[in-house]
Amino acid sequence: MLEGLRLRVIVILSLCVAATTFADEVSLLHGLDTDDAHALSAAVAAIEHAPTTRELADVLFAAGRACEDRLYDPARALAIYERLVRELPDAGVSIAAARRISSLQAIAAHAREAAELAELRATADQLAAAEVIRRADALAHASWPGADDTALWLADWLCRTGRRADARTRYEPLVARNLAHALHHAAGCAIEARDWPLAERLAAQLPADDAIDRAIKDDLLSAAARGRFRERLYTASWLALALAALAMLASLVEAMSRGGWRAPRWRPPIEVMFLAPVAAVIVIASFTAHRAIAPAVTRISLVGVAFAWLSGTVLDLLRTRGRAVRARAVVHVLACVIGVLAIGYIAITRDGLLDLLAETVKFGPGA
């Protein structure tokens, strides 16, 4: 009896320690999610001083990448990767860390070039594009191990700043040499440029030697397929909106012309009298609650009111002439639903809200 109780206590304590450790790692990882350099450096310092646990492996690797990509401190990143490989050699990310160690050790012998690249990466957004390209090209053509990394960084910078045609030109020689990082980044840039065939072709060339490589490859292929599908759906939505509007206009013309031409009265029908105030409240609320969604809500509301106005006007005209309205009303409801759904998809896609909506549906409004 006493032995069983002791075992339960040990299990409960172990679970509590594991839960606390997991929460600590999540908190450390969350600290890296900042654009402030001082806060980011402090978050990395907290990770550097954290006790080594199995759960710390991913956090250490993320801290190393943060030192490389956002703090521009390769020496600090090298120390973090070396600790990861030394203390957690069986972790899944240790292979990727070992690769970064090899690259950073080779660069360490060329301190001047490395410092110039770090400075360029830190100040690129404050410099003229021509100056960034000139300095990056000089480092990319210099004889040192960081030349490829410099060329890749320049291509990434061009892509990030909207110069995607120039970025593609910079990626091509690196992709021709089948460099995995270049393939990965070039595929990502092609996705941003909505060049789905190129993105899929580049992603298909990526290696899949381990779980991390396979995950990267699968994510890029999925993103390209998802982007292609969304683009087709966007085009289909415009077509559906046009057809719904044409159907409503055709209904209006038929109601006006049959039995002698008669123009409708364009005063708001009863449907609009009910719908317009509700739509106005929703639009105002969207501006006060989340300004990012306000333009999409406004477009959807305006189109919905326009369709309701047109439908109500036609039905009133039919009633005035003593014609049946039930079948026409069903057609109008169908056209209105199609039109509102179409403008809804167009609006959230145009304003870049589709991923935000998907995350909200998946994780809840607090995500």
Protein backbone atom coordinates (compact mmCIF):
# COMPACT_ATOMS: atom_id res chain seq x y z
CA MET A 1 0.00 0.00 0.00
CA LEU A 2 2.73 2.46 1.04
CA GLU A 3 4.89 1.39 -1.93
CA GLY A 4 2.03 2.06 -4.36
CA LEU A 5 1.43 5.49 -2.87
CA ARG A 6 5.14 6.30 -3.15
CA LEU A 7 5.10 5.28 -6.83
CA ARG A 8 2.10 7.53 -7.53
CA VAL A 9 3.83 10.48 -5.85
CA ILE A 10 6.97 9.91 -7.92
CA VAL A 11 4.94 9.76 -11.16
CA ILE A 12 3.01 12.93 -10.28
CA LEU A 13 6.20 14.81 -9.41
CA SER A 14 7.83 13.65 -12.65
CA LEU A 15 4.86 14.86 -14.68
CA CYS A 16 4.94 18.22 -12.88
CA VAL A 17 8.66 18.64 -13.58
CA ALA A 18 8.16 17.69 -17.24
CA ALA A 19 5.26 20.13 -17.62
CA THR A 20 7.27 22.92 -15.98
CA THR A 21 10.27 22.21 -18.23
CA PHE A 22 8.09 22.26 -21.35
CA ALA A 23 6.50 25.55 -20.28
CA ASP A 24 9.97 27.05 -19.72
CA GLU A 25 11.11 26.04 -23.21
CA VAL A 26 7.97 27.51 -24.79
CA SER A 27 8.56 30.75 -22.86
CA LEU A 28 12.19 30.91 -24.04
CA LEU A 29 11.17 30.29 -27.64
CA HIS A 30 8.46 32.94 -27.42
CA GLY A 31 11.11 35.46 -26.31
CA LEU A 32 12.75 35.21 -29.75
CA ASP A 33 9.57 36.52 -31.39
CA THR A 34 10.53 40.20 -31.36
CA ASP A 35 11.87 42.78 -33.80
CA ASP A 36 13.71 44.73 -31.10
CA ALA A 37 17.45 43.94 -31.25
CA HIS A 38 18.04 44.52 -27.53
CA ALA A 39 15.07 42.35 -26.51
CA LEU A 40 16.18 39.66 -28.95
CA SER A 41 19.72 39.70 -27.56
CA ALA A 42 18.34 39.36 -24.03
CA ALA A 43 16.15 36.44 -25.11
CA VAL A 44 19.17 34.71 -26.65
CA ALA A 45 21.15 35.31 -23.44
CA ALA A 46 18.38 33.64 -21.43
CA ILE A 47 18.56 30.62 -23.73
CA GLU A 48 22.37 30.52 -23.46
CA HIS A 49 22.11 30.33 -19.66
CA ALA A 50 19.22 27.84 -19.57
CA PRO A 51 20.00 24.34 -18.22
CA THR A 52 20.38 21.67 -20.88
CA THR A 53 17.34 19.48 -21.41
CA ARG A 54 16.12 17.44 -24.35
CA GLU A 55 13.40 20.02 -24.97
CA LEU A 56 16.02 22.79 -25.24
CA ALA A 57 17.43 21.50 -28.56
CA ASP A 58 14.92 23.27 -30.83
CA VAL A 59 15.17 26.44 -28.74
CA LEU A 60 18.97 26.47 -29.04
CA PHE A 61 18.82 26.02 -32.79
CA ALA A 62 16.25 28.83 -33.10
CA ALA A 63 18.53 31.06 -31.00
CA GLY A 64 21.48 30.25 -33.29
CA ARG A 65 19.45 31.18 -36.36
CA ALA A 66 18.35 34.39 -34.66
CA CYS A 67 22.00 35.29 -34.02
CA GLU A 68 22.84 34.66 -37.67
CA ASP A 69 19.81 36.17 -39.40
CA ARG A 70 18.74 39.02 -37.11
CA LEU A 71 21.57 39.88 -34.70
CA TYR A 72 24.26 39.33 -37.36
CA ASP A 73 26.58 37.77 -34.78
CA PRO A 74 28.10 34.63 -36.36
CA ALA A 75 30.51 34.02 -33.47
CA ARG A 76 27.65 33.86 -30.98
CA ALA A 77 25.67 31.59 -33.29
CA LEU A 78 28.70 29.29 -33.63
CA ALA A 79 28.99 28.95 -29.84
CA ILE A 80 25.29 28.06 -29.55
CA TYR A 81 25.48 25.45 -32.32
CA GLU A 82 28.59 23.90 -30.76
CA ARG A 83 26.80 23.60 -27.42
CA LEU A 84 23.82 21.99 -29.13
CA VAL A 85 25.95 19.38 -30.91
CA ARG A 86 28.11 18.77 -27.84
CA GLU A 87 25.39 18.46 -25.22
CA LEU A 88 22.47 17.14 -27.30
CA PRO A 89 24.03 15.07 -30.10
CA ASP A 90 20.93 12.87 -30.51
CA ALA A 91 18.52 15.76 -31.09
CA GLY A 92 16.92 15.97 -34.52
CA VAL A 93 18.26 19.47 -35.15
CA SER A 94 21.86 18.53 -34.29
CA ILE A 95 22.50 17.54 -37.93
CA ALA A 96 21.42 20.98 -39.15
CA ALA A 97 23.47 22.58 -36.35
CA ALA A 98 26.56 20.63 -37.45
CA ARG A 99 26.11 21.97 -40.98
CA ARG A 100 25.96 25.52 -39.69
CA ILE A 101 29.07 24.92 -37.58
CA SER A 102 31.06 23.86 -40.65
CA SER A 103 29.93 26.92 -42.55
CA LEU A 104 30.58 29.36 -39.71
CA GLN A 105 34.01 27.90 -38.88
CA ALA A 106 35.09 28.38 -42.47
CA ILE A 107 33.87 31.97 -42.41
CA ALA A 108 35.59 32.73 -39.07
CA ALA A 109 39.00 32.76 -40.79
CA HIS A 110 37.83 35.73 -42.89
CA ALA A 111 36.87 38.13 -40.13
CA ARG A 112 36.97 41.29 -42.30
CA GLU A 113 34.60 39.95 -44.95
CA ALA A 114 32.32 38.46 -42.29
CA ALA A 115 32.17 41.81 -40.48
CA GLU A 116 31.39 43.63 -43.73
CA LEU A 117 28.58 41.18 -44.51
CA ALA A 118 27.17 41.48 -40.98
CA GLU A 119 27.18 45.27 -41.23
CA LEU A 120 25.56 45.17 -44.67
CA ARG A 121 22.81 42.85 -43.47
CA ALA A 122 22.17 45.08 -40.46
CA THR A 123 21.95 48.33 -42.46
CA ALA A 124 20.64 47.19 -45.85
CA ASP A 125 17.14 48.60 -45.38
CA GLN A 126 18.59 52.07 -44.68
CA LEU A 127 20.82 52.09 -47.79
CA ALA A 128 20.01 52.77 -51.43
CA ALA A 129 19.34 49.59 -53.42
CA ALA A 130 22.25 50.28 -55.78
CA GLU A 131 24.64 50.57 -52.82
CA VAL A 132 23.41 47.30 -51.29
CA ILE A 133 23.82 45.48 -54.59
CA ARG A 134 27.29 46.94 -55.18
CA ARG A 135 28.60 45.97 -51.76
CA ALA A 136 26.97 42.55 -51.79
CA ASP A 137 28.30 41.78 -55.26
CA ALA A 138 31.83 42.68 -54.12
CA LEU A 139 31.57 40.21 -51.23
CA ALA A 140 29.87 37.56 -53.38
CA HIS A 141 32.72 37.64 -55.92
CA ALA A 142 35.49 37.74 -53.32
CA SER A 143 37.48 34.59 -52.59
CA TRP A 144 36.16 33.54 -49.19
CA PRO A 145 33.80 30.80 -47.87
CA GLY A 146 30.94 33.25 -47.30
CA ALA A 147 30.63 34.21 -50.96
CA ASP A 148 27.70 31.88 -51.63
CA ASP A 149 25.95 32.97 -48.45
CA THR A 150 26.37 36.59 -49.54
CA ALA A 151 24.94 35.90 -52.99
CA LEU A 152 22.02 34.04 -51.42
CA TRP A 153 21.41 36.86 -48.93
CA LEU A 154 21.37 39.41 -51.75
CA ALA A 155 18.82 37.34 -53.69
CA ASP A 156 16.68 37.04 -50.55
CA TRP A 157 16.92 40.80 -49.93
CA LEU A 158 15.89 41.57 -53.49
CA CYS A 159 12.92 39.23 -53.16
CA ARG A 160 11.89 40.69 -49.80
CA THR A 161 12.02 44.24 -51.15
CA GLY A 162 9.82 43.40 -54.13
CA ARG A 163 12.53 43.10 -56.81
CA ARG A 164 11.59 39.51 -57.61
CA ALA A 165 12.77 39.48 -61.23
CA ASP A 166 16.25 40.57 -60.10
CA ALA A 167 16.11 38.05 -57.26
CA ARG A 168 15.35 35.23 -59.68
CA THR A 169 18.41 36.17 -61.73
CA ARG A 170 20.55 36.04 -58.58
CA TYR A 171 19.15 32.68 -57.53
CA GLU A 172 19.76 31.00 -60.90
CA PRO A 173 23.56 30.42 -60.65
CA LEU A 174 23.17 29.12 -57.09
CA VAL A 175 20.30 26.83 -58.08
CA ALA A 176 22.32 25.59 -61.07
CA ARG A 177 24.89 24.30 -58.59
CA ASN A 178 22.08 22.47 -56.75
CA LEU A 179 22.71 24.20 -53.42
CA ALA A 180 19.97 23.09 -51.03
CA HIS A 181 19.63 26.47 -49.28
CA ALA A 182 19.41 28.26 -52.62
CA LEU A 183 16.73 25.86 -53.85
CA HIS A 184 14.78 26.39 -50.65
CA HIS A 185 14.95 30.18 -50.75
CA ALA A 186 14.36 30.40 -54.51
CA ALA A 187 11.25 28.24 -54.17
CA GLY A 188 9.99 30.51 -51.39
CA CYS A 189 10.56 33.57 -53.56
CA ALA A 190 8.74 31.92 -56.48
CA ILE A 191 5.78 31.30 -54.16
CA GLU A 192 5.76 34.99 -53.18
CA ALA A 193 5.86 35.87 -56.89
CA ARG A 194 2.94 33.43 -57.51
CA ASP A 195 5.03 31.50 -60.02
CA TRP A 196 3.62 28.12 -59.00
CA PRO A 197 5.28 25.96 -61.71
CA LEU A 198 8.72 27.35 -60.86
CA ALA A 199 8.11 26.95 -57.12
CA GLU A 200 7.06 23.31 -57.57
CA ARG A 201 10.02 22.55 -59.85
CA LEU A 202 12.52 24.04 -57.39
CA ALA A 203 10.92 22.38 -54.37
CA ALA A 204 10.96 19.01 -56.13
CA GLN A 205 14.75 19.30 -56.50
CA LEU A 206 15.27 19.66 -52.75
CA PRO A 207 16.86 16.70 -50.94
CA ALA A 208 14.83 14.62 -48.50
CA ASP A 209 17.64 12.90 -46.62
CA ASP A 210 16.28 13.49 -43.12
CA ALA A 211 13.09 14.51 -41.35
CA ILE A 212 13.91 18.24 -41.45
CA ASP A 213 14.68 18.20 -45.18
CA ARG A 214 11.50 16.25 -45.89
CA ALA A 215 9.43 18.68 -43.81
CA ILE A 216 10.88 21.70 -45.67
CA LYS A 217 10.26 20.09 -49.04
CA ASP A 218 6.71 19.04 -48.16
CA ASP A 219 5.89 22.51 -46.79
CA LEU A 220 7.07 24.23 -49.97
CA LEU A 221 5.20 21.83 -52.23
CA SER A 222 2.07 22.23 -50.11
CA ALA A 223 2.39 26.03 -50.18
CA ALA A 224 2.74 26.03 -53.97
CA ALA A 225 -0.27 23.71 -54.40
CA ARG A 226 -2.30 25.79 -51.96
CA GLY A 227 -1.35 29.02 -53.74
CA ARG A 228 -2.28 27.59 -57.14
CA PHE A 229 -5.68 26.44 -55.79
CA ARG A 230 -6.38 29.82 -54.17
CA GLU A 231 -5.49 31.66 -57.37
CA ARG A 232 -7.91 29.51 -59.37
CA LEU A 233 -10.61 30.01 -56.73
CA TYR A 234 -9.99 33.77 -56.83
CA THR A 235 -10.50 33.81 -60.60
CA ALA A 236 -13.60 31.63 -60.26
CA SER A 237 -14.96 34.01 -57.61
CA TRP A 238 -14.70 36.98 -59.98
CA LEU A 239 -16.49 34.94 -62.64
CA ALA A 240 -19.21 33.91 -60.17
CA LEU A 241 -19.67 37.53 -59.03
CA ALA A 242 -19.99 38.70 -62.63
CA LEU A 243 -22.51 35.96 -63.48
CA ALA A 244 -24.58 36.69 -60.35
CA ALA A 245 -24.65 40.41 -61.21
CA LEU A 246 -25.60 39.67 -64.82
CA ALA A 247 -28.39 37.36 -63.64
CA MET A 248 -29.80 40.11 -61.42
CA LEU A 249 -29.56 42.70 -64.21
CA ALA A 250 -31.20 40.30 -66.67
CA SER A 251 -34.01 39.77 -64.17
CA LEU A 252 -34.45 43.54 -63.91
CA VAL A 253 -34.53 44.04 -67.68
CA GLU A 254 -37.06 41.22 -68.10
CA ALA A 255 -39.31 42.65 -65.38
CA MET A 256 -39.15 46.12 -66.95
CA SER A 257 -39.80 45.01 -70.53
CA ARG A 258 -42.42 42.27 -70.22
CA GLY A 259 -45.93 43.64 -70.58
CA GLY A 260 -44.80 47.03 -71.80
CA TRP A 261 -41.72 48.97 -70.81
CA ARG A 262 -41.89 50.31 -67.29
CA ALA A 263 -39.01 51.77 -65.33
CA PRO A 264 -38.80 50.81 -61.64
CA ARG A 265 -38.95 53.22 -58.72
CA TRP A 266 -35.44 53.38 -57.30
CA ARG A 267 -36.43 54.19 -53.75
CA PRO A 268 -34.96 51.67 -51.26
CA PRO A 269 -37.12 48.53 -51.03
CA ILE A 270 -38.09 47.06 -47.66
CA GLU A 271 -35.17 44.58 -47.81
CA VAL A 272 -32.65 47.41 -47.95
CA MET A 273 -34.38 49.31 -45.15
CA PHE A 274 -33.69 46.35 -42.87
CA LEU A 275 -30.27 45.32 -44.23
CA ALA A 276 -28.55 48.71 -44.63
CA PRO A 277 -28.52 49.70 -40.91
CA VAL A 278 -27.23 46.25 -39.93
CA ALA A 279 -24.48 46.47 -42.56
CA ALA A 280 -23.55 49.98 -41.36
CA VAL A 281 -23.22 48.77 -37.75
CA ILE A 282 -21.03 45.85 -38.87
CA VAL A 283 -18.76 48.14 -40.92
CA ILE A 284 -18.37 50.61 -38.05
CA ALA A 285 -17.64 47.77 -35.63
CA SER A 286 -14.99 46.37 -37.96
CA PHE A 287 -13.15 49.71 -37.99
CA THR A 288 -13.13 49.89 -34.20
CA ALA A 289 -12.39 46.20 -33.53
CA HIS A 290 -9.75 45.32 -36.14
CA ARG A 291 -8.87 47.88 -38.82
CA ALA A 292 -7.18 45.23 -40.99
CA ILE A 293 -10.53 43.57 -41.73
CA ALA A 294 -12.49 46.79 -42.18
CA PRO A 295 -11.93 47.21 -45.97
CA ALA A 296 -13.01 43.61 -46.63
CA VAL A 297 -16.11 43.98 -44.43
CA THR A 298 -16.98 47.23 -46.23
CA ARG A 299 -16.73 45.64 -49.68
CA ILE A 300 -18.83 42.63 -48.65
CA SER A 301 -21.47 44.87 -47.04
CA LEU A 302 -21.73 47.20 -50.04
CA VAL A 303 -22.11 44.34 -52.51
CA GLY A 304 -24.66 42.64 -50.25
CA VAL A 305 -26.74 45.84 -49.98
CA ALA A 306 -26.48 46.40 -53.75
CA PHE A 307 -27.74 42.89 -54.50
CA ALA A 308 -30.56 43.25 -51.97
CA TRP A 309 -31.55 46.62 -53.45
CA LEU A 310 -31.61 45.22 -56.97
CA SER A 311 -33.55 42.13 -55.90
CA GLY A 312 -36.11 44.12 -53.93
CA THR A 313 -36.62 46.56 -56.80
CA VAL A 314 -37.31 43.74 -59.27
CA LEU A 315 -39.72 41.94 -56.93
CA ASP A 316 -41.61 45.18 -56.22
CA LEU A 317 -41.97 45.76 -59.95
CA LEU A 318 -43.30 42.24 -60.46
CA ARG A 319 -45.84 42.67 -57.65
CA THR A 320 -46.98 45.98 -59.15
CA ARG A 321 -47.78 44.16 -62.39
CA GLY A 322 -49.50 41.31 -60.60
CA ARG A 323 -46.91 38.74 -61.61
CA ALA A 324 -45.79 35.76 -59.53
CA VAL A 325 -42.66 36.41 -57.50
CA ARG A 326 -41.96 33.12 -55.66
CA ALA A 327 -39.78 31.45 -58.34
CA ARG A 328 -38.04 34.75 -59.09
CA ALA A 329 -37.35 35.30 -55.40
CA VAL A 330 -35.67 31.88 -55.15
CA VAL A 331 -33.45 32.73 -58.12
CA HIS A 332 -32.61 36.07 -56.53
CA VAL A 333 -31.70 34.46 -53.22
CA LEU A 334 -29.38 32.06 -55.03
CA ALA A 335 -27.76 34.90 -57.01
CA CYS A 336 -27.34 36.99 -53.85
CA VAL A 337 -25.73 34.11 -51.94
CA ILE A 338 -23.33 33.40 -54.81
CA GLY A 339 -22.49 37.09 -55.17
CA VAL A 340 -21.84 37.65 -51.46
CA LEU A 341 -19.76 34.48 -51.13
CA ALA A 342 -17.76 35.47 -54.21
CA ILE A 343 -17.06 39.03 -53.02
CA GLY A 344 -16.26 37.62 -49.58
CA TYR A 345 -13.50 35.40 -50.96
CA ILE A 346 -12.26 38.16 -53.26
CA ALA A 347 -12.12 40.66 -50.39
CA ILE A 348 -10.28 38.49 -47.87
CA THR A 349 -7.84 37.31 -50.55
CA ARG A 350 -7.19 40.80 -51.88
CA ASP A 351 -6.47 42.12 -48.38
CA GLY A 352 -4.29 39.15 -47.40
CA LEU A 353 -6.69 37.95 -44.71
CA LEU A 354 -7.10 34.36 -45.86
CA ASP A 355 -4.31 32.92 -43.68
CA LEU A 356 -5.46 35.05 -40.73
CA LEU A 357 -8.98 33.69 -41.13
CA ALA A 358 -7.70 30.11 -41.37
CA GLU A 359 -5.67 30.54 -38.16
CA THR A 360 -8.64 32.08 -36.38
CA VAL A 361 -10.90 29.19 -37.39
CA LYS A 362 -8.25 26.66 -36.34
CA PHE A 363 -6.98 28.18 -33.09
CA GLY A 364 -9.69 30.61 -32.05
CA PRO A 365 -9.92 34.44 -32.02
CA GLY A 366 -7.14 34.75 -29.45
CA ALA A 367 -4.50 33.16 -31.75
